[in-house]
Amino acid sequence: MKKVLVATEKPFAPAAVDQIKEVLDKANYDLVLLEKYTDKAELLKAVEDVDALIVRSDKVTKEVVDAAKNLKIVVRAGAGYDNLDLEACTANNVVAMNTPGQNSNAVAELALGMMVMIARGNYNGKAGTELKGKKIGIHAYGNVGQLVAKIAKGFGMEVYAFDPFVDAEKVEKDGVIQVNSVEELYSTCQYISLHIPSNEKTKKSIDFDLLNKMPKGATLVNTARKEVINEEELLNVFAEREDFRYVSDIAPDCKDEIAEKYEGRFFFTPKKMGAQTAEANINAGEAAANQIVDFIENGNTTFKVN
């Protein structure tokens, strides 16, 4: 019997675990749960004899992969997969996957929700502004970006996008204006919704020069990763532009300085919350289980990232 470990410091919702178990039971696989563990040694012990591993934000390091002698596949239940050591997975013939699209609607709704909140001054009782008629730029037009565009159009916003990896016809078909450079996107739009991954090319790429190109009333919305922001230069933008605002579902390391100096111009959720809905939790967990079964039984590597 194949053994699948679900290792989650922050557990799935019970309903999600039930869905994972249902998928695995149907395939005659054994489910092993490791929840709320506090010591890496617990994870290293648990992976020793499993065929597959499902994680959320848990770090699957070289040490973890090396300890998992029977491991064939690891799936990160979510879109981002920077918590997986892809090099170690490849070296050990382990397929690494994510579950793209399963959390997208939750992230998109949060992005627009934070825009409304900051536009209304964090609901401080004073007059705010509306999203209708404003220009929003979507930086990376993937699953989340496309849903942000759809919702933003419902608000009556004028939607722009930059993504060199997405066909122009797709963008235009969605009624979105494609721009030719990231500089053009930022200089055109009062709102920027950020959806780029964190990698060697993108880390600290959102810098002073880019943010300072934004028109008056600029708001940066980050539901991607904090590492893509150049925080030292972010502070410079805050200092030089009283109109600049920043909202994110992951607080920057410089959050205390922002909170001390720039009241009303920011909002940070207490933890990474883009995928924190009941629906997204279930969708991602169930997708991860289905992908494992499909890979082991049929060799399907559709969502392989290594």
Protein backbone atom coordinates (compact mmCIF):
# COMPACT_ATOMS: atom_id res chain seq x y z
CA MET A 1 0.00 0.00 0.00
CA LYS A 2 1.35 3.44 -0.95
CA LYS A 3 1.84 5.79 1.98
CA VAL A 4 1.11 9.53 1.74
CA LEU A 5 2.24 11.94 4.45
CA VAL A 6 0.44 15.23 4.98
CA ALA A 7 2.93 17.30 6.98
CA THR A 8 1.56 20.67 8.05
CA GLU A 9 2.80 22.94 10.81
CA LYS A 10 -0.38 24.92 10.09
CA PRO A 11 -2.91 22.15 9.48
CA PHE A 12 -5.48 21.95 6.74
CA ALA A 13 -9.07 22.50 7.83
CA PRO A 14 -10.72 19.25 8.94
CA ALA A 15 -12.94 19.31 5.84
CA ALA A 16 -9.83 19.46 3.64
CA VAL A 17 -8.27 16.51 5.44
CA ASP A 18 -11.51 14.58 4.93
CA GLN A 19 -11.36 15.28 1.18
CA ILE A 20 -7.71 14.21 0.99
CA LYS A 21 -8.53 11.01 2.85
CA GLU A 22 -11.45 10.28 0.53
CA VAL A 23 -9.23 10.59 -2.55
CA LEU A 24 -6.52 8.39 -1.03
CA ASP A 25 -8.96 5.79 0.31
CA LYS A 26 -10.43 5.39 -3.17
CA ALA A 27 -6.94 4.69 -4.50
CA ASN A 28 -6.22 2.31 -1.61
CA TYR A 29 -3.45 4.55 -0.31
CA ASP A 30 -2.60 5.03 3.35
CA LEU A 31 -2.83 8.56 4.80
CA VAL A 32 -0.42 9.64 7.53
CA LEU A 33 -0.93 12.98 9.29
CA LEU A 34 1.76 15.08 10.95
CA GLU A 35 0.12 18.28 12.17
CA LYS A 36 1.33 21.19 14.30
CA TYR A 37 4.81 19.70 14.62
CA THR A 38 7.37 21.94 16.29
CA ASP A 39 10.61 20.05 15.70
CA LYS A 40 12.13 19.27 12.31
CA ALA A 41 13.17 15.89 13.73
CA GLU A 42 9.49 14.91 13.76
CA LEU A 43 9.25 15.62 10.04
CA LEU A 44 12.50 13.80 9.26
CA LYS A 45 11.24 10.73 11.11
CA ALA A 46 7.80 10.86 9.47
CA VAL A 47 9.11 11.00 5.89
CA GLU A 48 11.41 7.99 6.21
CA ASP A 49 9.08 5.45 4.60
CA VAL A 50 6.47 7.47 2.69
CA ASP A 51 5.92 7.41 -1.07
CA ALA A 52 4.43 10.88 -1.31
CA LEU A 53 4.34 14.10 0.68
CA ILE A 54 1.83 16.96 0.81
CA VAL A 55 2.84 20.24 2.46
CA ARG A 56 1.55 23.79 2.72
CA SER A 57 4.22 26.34 3.68
CA ASP A 58 6.41 23.71 5.29
CA LYS A 59 10.02 23.72 4.10
CA VAL A 60 11.05 20.61 2.19
CA THR A 61 14.82 20.99 2.40
CA LYS A 62 17.62 18.75 1.13
CA GLU A 63 17.74 17.19 4.59
CA VAL A 64 14.06 16.27 4.37
CA VAL A 65 14.37 14.88 0.84
CA ASP A 66 17.48 12.86 1.75
CA ALA A 67 15.67 11.36 4.75
CA ALA A 68 12.72 10.24 2.60
CA LYS A 69 14.22 7.12 1.04
CA ASN A 70 11.00 6.01 -0.70
CA LEU A 71 9.75 9.45 -1.71
CA LYS A 72 8.54 9.69 -5.30
CA ILE A 73 6.58 12.97 -5.26
CA VAL A 74 6.07 16.04 -3.10
CA VAL A 75 3.19 18.43 -3.71
CA ARG A 76 2.98 21.94 -2.33
CA ALA A 77 -0.73 22.62 -1.82
CA GLY A 78 -0.74 26.11 -3.29
CA ALA A 79 0.73 28.07 -6.16
CA GLY A 80 4.09 29.22 -4.79
CA TYR A 81 6.73 26.55 -4.30
CA ASP A 82 9.78 28.41 -3.02
CA ASN A 83 9.59 26.27 0.13
CA LEU A 84 10.61 23.20 -1.91
CA ASP A 85 14.28 22.49 -2.60
CA LEU A 86 13.88 21.68 -6.29
CA GLU A 87 17.55 20.86 -6.78
CA ALA A 88 17.43 18.26 -4.00
CA CYS A 89 14.20 16.81 -5.37
CA THR A 90 15.70 16.42 -8.83
CA ALA A 91 18.91 14.89 -7.47
CA ASN A 92 16.84 12.29 -5.60
CA ASN A 93 14.47 11.58 -8.52
CA VAL A 94 11.57 13.13 -6.64
CA VAL A 95 8.91 14.93 -8.68
CA ALA A 96 7.95 18.30 -7.18
CA MET A 97 4.56 19.81 -7.97
CA ASN A 98 2.35 22.72 -6.97
CA THR A 99 -1.43 23.08 -7.33
CA PRO A 100 -1.84 26.18 -9.51
CA GLY A 101 -5.21 27.85 -9.63
CA GLN A 102 -6.69 26.22 -6.54
CA ASN A 103 -6.13 29.28 -4.33
CA SER A 104 -6.45 31.88 -7.07
CA ASN A 105 -9.92 33.18 -6.36
CA ALA A 106 -9.19 33.56 -2.66
CA VAL A 107 -6.05 35.59 -3.40
CA ALA A 108 -7.80 37.73 -6.01
CA GLU A 109 -10.68 38.56 -3.69
CA LEU A 110 -8.24 39.51 -0.94
CA ALA A 111 -6.30 41.79 -3.29
CA LEU A 112 -9.45 43.72 -4.22
CA GLY A 113 -10.66 43.69 -0.63
CA MET A 114 -7.45 45.34 0.55
CA MET A 115 -7.73 47.90 -2.26
CA VAL A 116 -11.21 48.89 -1.09
CA MET A 117 -9.99 49.06 2.50
CA ILE A 118 -7.06 51.37 1.79
CA ALA A 119 -9.11 53.50 -0.63
CA ARG A 120 -11.53 54.11 2.26
CA GLY A 121 -8.74 55.06 4.65
CA ASN A 122 -8.87 51.74 6.52
CA TYR A 123 -12.47 52.64 7.40
CA ASN A 124 -11.40 55.49 9.67
CA GLY A 125 -14.68 57.39 9.30
CA LYS A 126 -13.29 59.99 6.92
CA ALA A 127 -14.04 60.43 3.22
CA GLY A 128 -12.10 58.08 1.00
CA THR A 129 -11.96 57.41 -2.73
CA GLU A 130 -13.60 54.90 -5.09
CA LEU A 131 -12.02 52.26 -7.30
CA LYS A 132 -14.40 53.01 -10.17
CA GLY A 133 -12.63 54.80 -13.00
CA LYS A 134 -9.15 54.17 -11.58
CA LYS A 135 -6.43 52.39 -13.53
CA ILE A 136 -5.13 49.10 -12.16
CA GLY A 137 -2.00 47.40 -13.43
CA ILE A 138 -1.60 43.66 -13.03
CA HIS A 139 2.04 42.67 -12.77
CA ALA A 140 2.04 39.02 -13.97
CA TYR A 141 -1.11 37.82 -15.70
CA GLY A 142 -1.40 34.26 -14.43
CA ASN A 143 -4.30 32.53 -12.69
CA VAL A 144 -4.56 35.11 -9.91
CA GLY A 145 -3.89 38.09 -12.15
CA GLN A 146 -6.65 37.06 -14.54
CA LEU A 147 -9.17 36.83 -11.71
CA VAL A 148 -8.05 40.19 -10.31
CA ALA A 149 -8.71 41.65 -13.77
CA LYS A 150 -12.19 40.13 -13.89
CA ILE A 151 -13.15 41.44 -10.45
CA ALA A 152 -11.57 44.86 -11.07
CA LYS A 153 -13.59 45.25 -14.27
CA GLY A 154 -16.68 44.61 -12.15
CA PHE A 155 -15.66 47.60 -10.02
CA GLY A 156 -15.47 49.69 -13.17
CA MET A 157 -11.69 49.95 -13.17
CA GLU A 158 -9.57 50.33 -16.31
CA VAL A 159 -7.36 47.24 -16.36
CA TYR A 160 -3.79 47.00 -17.69
CA ALA A 161 -1.37 44.08 -17.55
CA PHE A 162 2.28 43.26 -18.12
CA ASP A 163 3.43 39.67 -18.56
CA PRO A 164 5.89 38.76 -21.31
CA PHE A 165 5.01 35.08 -20.89
CA VAL A 166 1.31 35.45 -21.70
CA ASP A 167 0.05 35.74 -25.27
CA ALA A 168 -1.22 39.20 -26.16
CA GLU A 169 -4.38 37.77 -27.70
CA LYS A 170 -5.32 36.17 -24.37
CA VAL A 171 -4.93 39.48 -22.54
CA GLU A 172 -6.86 41.47 -25.13
CA LYS A 173 -9.63 38.85 -25.28
CA ASP A 174 -10.19 39.46 -21.56
CA GLY A 175 -10.73 43.15 -22.25
CA VAL A 176 -7.41 44.05 -20.65
CA ILE A 177 -4.89 46.50 -22.09
CA GLN A 178 -1.46 44.94 -22.47
CA VAL A 179 1.56 47.21 -22.04
CA ASN A 180 5.02 46.61 -23.42
CA SER A 181 7.13 47.08 -20.32
CA VAL A 182 6.94 46.97 -16.56
CA GLU A 183 7.93 50.66 -16.50
CA GLU A 184 4.92 51.52 -18.67
CA LEU A 185 2.62 49.56 -16.35
CA TYR A 186 3.78 51.40 -13.24
CA SER A 187 3.79 54.85 -14.83
CA THR A 188 0.23 54.35 -16.11
CA CYS A 189 -1.62 52.89 -13.13
CA GLN A 190 -2.64 54.25 -9.74
CA TYR A 191 -3.05 50.72 -8.42
CA ILE A 192 -0.59 47.90 -9.03
CA SER A 193 -1.52 44.34 -8.10
CA LEU A 194 1.64 42.29 -7.76
CA HIS A 195 1.69 38.58 -8.65
CA ILE A 196 5.26 37.78 -9.67
CA PRO A 197 7.07 34.77 -8.13
CA SER A 198 10.09 35.13 -5.90
CA ASN A 199 13.26 34.04 -7.67
CA GLU A 200 16.76 35.30 -8.36
CA LYS A 201 15.52 37.66 -11.07
CA THR A 202 12.59 39.12 -9.15
CA LYS A 203 13.94 39.48 -5.60
CA LYS A 204 14.07 43.19 -4.65
CA SER A 205 13.00 44.07 -8.20
CA ILE A 206 10.18 46.33 -6.98
CA ASP A 207 12.37 49.31 -6.18
CA PHE A 208 12.28 53.09 -5.81
CA ASP A 209 12.65 53.84 -9.51
CA LEU A 210 9.69 51.63 -10.39
CA LEU A 211 7.38 52.75 -7.58
CA ASN A 212 8.22 56.40 -8.05
CA LYS A 213 6.95 56.21 -11.63
CA MET A 214 3.41 55.62 -10.35
CA PRO A 215 0.95 58.52 -10.75
CA LYS A 216 -0.50 60.49 -7.84
CA GLY A 217 -2.59 58.38 -5.48
CA ALA A 218 -0.31 55.37 -5.93
CA THR A 219 -1.14 52.11 -4.16
CA LEU A 220 0.94 48.93 -4.36
CA VAL A 221 -0.95 45.73 -3.53
CA ASN A 222 1.26 42.73 -2.82
CA THR A 223 -0.23 39.25 -2.53
CA ALA A 224 2.93 37.67 -3.93
CA ARG A 225 6.05 37.45 -1.74
CA LYS A 226 7.74 40.05 0.46
CA GLU A 227 11.14 39.16 -1.01
CA VAL A 228 10.28 40.83 -4.33
CA ILE A 229 10.12 44.23 -2.60
CA ASN A 230 13.27 46.26 -2.07
CA GLU A 231 12.31 47.32 1.44
CA GLU A 232 14.99 49.98 1.92
CA GLU A 233 13.80 51.70 -1.23
CA LEU A 234 10.17 51.15 -0.27
CA LEU A 235 10.84 53.25 2.83
CA ASN A 236 12.33 55.95 0.61
CA VAL A 237 9.13 56.04 -1.45
CA PHE A 238 7.04 56.38 1.71
CA ALA A 239 9.26 59.24 2.87
CA GLU A 240 9.27 61.17 -0.40
CA ARG A 241 5.65 60.64 -1.50
CA GLU A 242 2.83 61.41 0.91
CA ASP A 243 0.34 59.96 -1.57
CA PHE A 244 1.96 56.49 -1.67
CA ARG A 245 0.22 53.56 0.04
CA TYR A 246 1.17 49.91 0.44
CA VAL A 247 -1.04 46.95 1.34
CA SER A 248 0.09 43.36 1.58
CA ASP A 249 -0.95 39.98 2.92
CA ILE A 250 2.56 39.48 4.21
CA ALA A 251 4.13 42.17 6.34
CA PRO A 252 7.54 43.51 5.31
CA ASP A 253 10.48 43.30 7.69
CA CYS A 254 10.32 47.08 7.99
CA LYS A 255 6.68 47.05 9.13
CA ASP A 256 7.43 48.65 12.51
CA GLU A 257 9.03 51.70 10.91
CA ILE A 258 6.13 52.03 8.46
CA ALA A 259 3.61 51.74 11.28
CA GLU A 260 5.45 54.36 13.36
CA LYS A 261 5.77 56.95 10.60
CA TYR A 262 3.01 56.41 8.06
CA GLU A 263 -0.29 55.82 9.82
CA GLY A 264 -3.22 55.29 7.48
CA ARG A 265 -1.06 54.62 4.44
CA PHE A 266 -0.63 50.87 4.82
CA PHE A 267 -2.36 47.65 5.77
CA PHE A 268 -0.73 44.29 6.49
CA THR A 269 -2.56 41.11 7.41
CA PRO A 270 -1.23 39.38 10.55
CA LYS A 271 0.01 36.42 8.48
CA LYS A 272 0.07 35.25 4.86
CA MET A 273 -3.66 35.11 4.16
CA GLY A 274 -4.16 34.93 0.40
CA ALA A 275 -5.21 31.29 0.53
CA GLN A 276 -6.88 31.43 3.92
CA THR A 277 -10.43 30.52 2.95
CA ALA A 278 -12.31 27.31 3.57
CA GLU A 279 -12.81 26.83 -0.16
CA ALA A 280 -9.15 27.34 -1.09
CA ASN A 281 -8.03 25.06 1.73
CA ILE A 282 -10.20 22.22 0.48
CA ASN A 283 -9.44 22.82 -3.20
CA ALA A 284 -5.67 22.80 -2.75
CA GLY A 285 -5.61 19.75 -0.49
CA GLU A 286 -7.89 17.71 -2.73
CA ALA A 287 -5.92 18.72 -5.83
CA ALA A 288 -2.66 17.68 -4.19
CA ALA A 289 -4.06 14.23 -3.36
CA ASN A 290 -5.46 13.77 -6.87
CA GLN A 291 -2.15 14.79 -8.45
CA ILE A 292 -0.27 12.27 -6.33
CA VAL A 293 -2.56 9.42 -7.32
CA ASP A 294 -2.50 10.44 -10.98
CA PHE A 295 1.29 10.59 -10.98
CA ILE A 296 1.88 7.28 -9.21
CA GLU A 297 -0.79 5.38 -11.17
CA ASN A 298 -0.49 7.07 -14.58
CA GLY A 299 2.80 8.97 -14.61
CA ASN A 300 1.04 12.32 -15.11
CA THR A 301 3.55 15.14 -14.51
CA THR A 302 1.38 18.05 -15.67
CA PHE A 303 2.12 20.25 -12.66
CA LYS A 304 5.79 19.31 -12.24
CA VAL A 305 7.97 22.30 -11.30
CA ASN A 306 11.44 20.71 -11.20
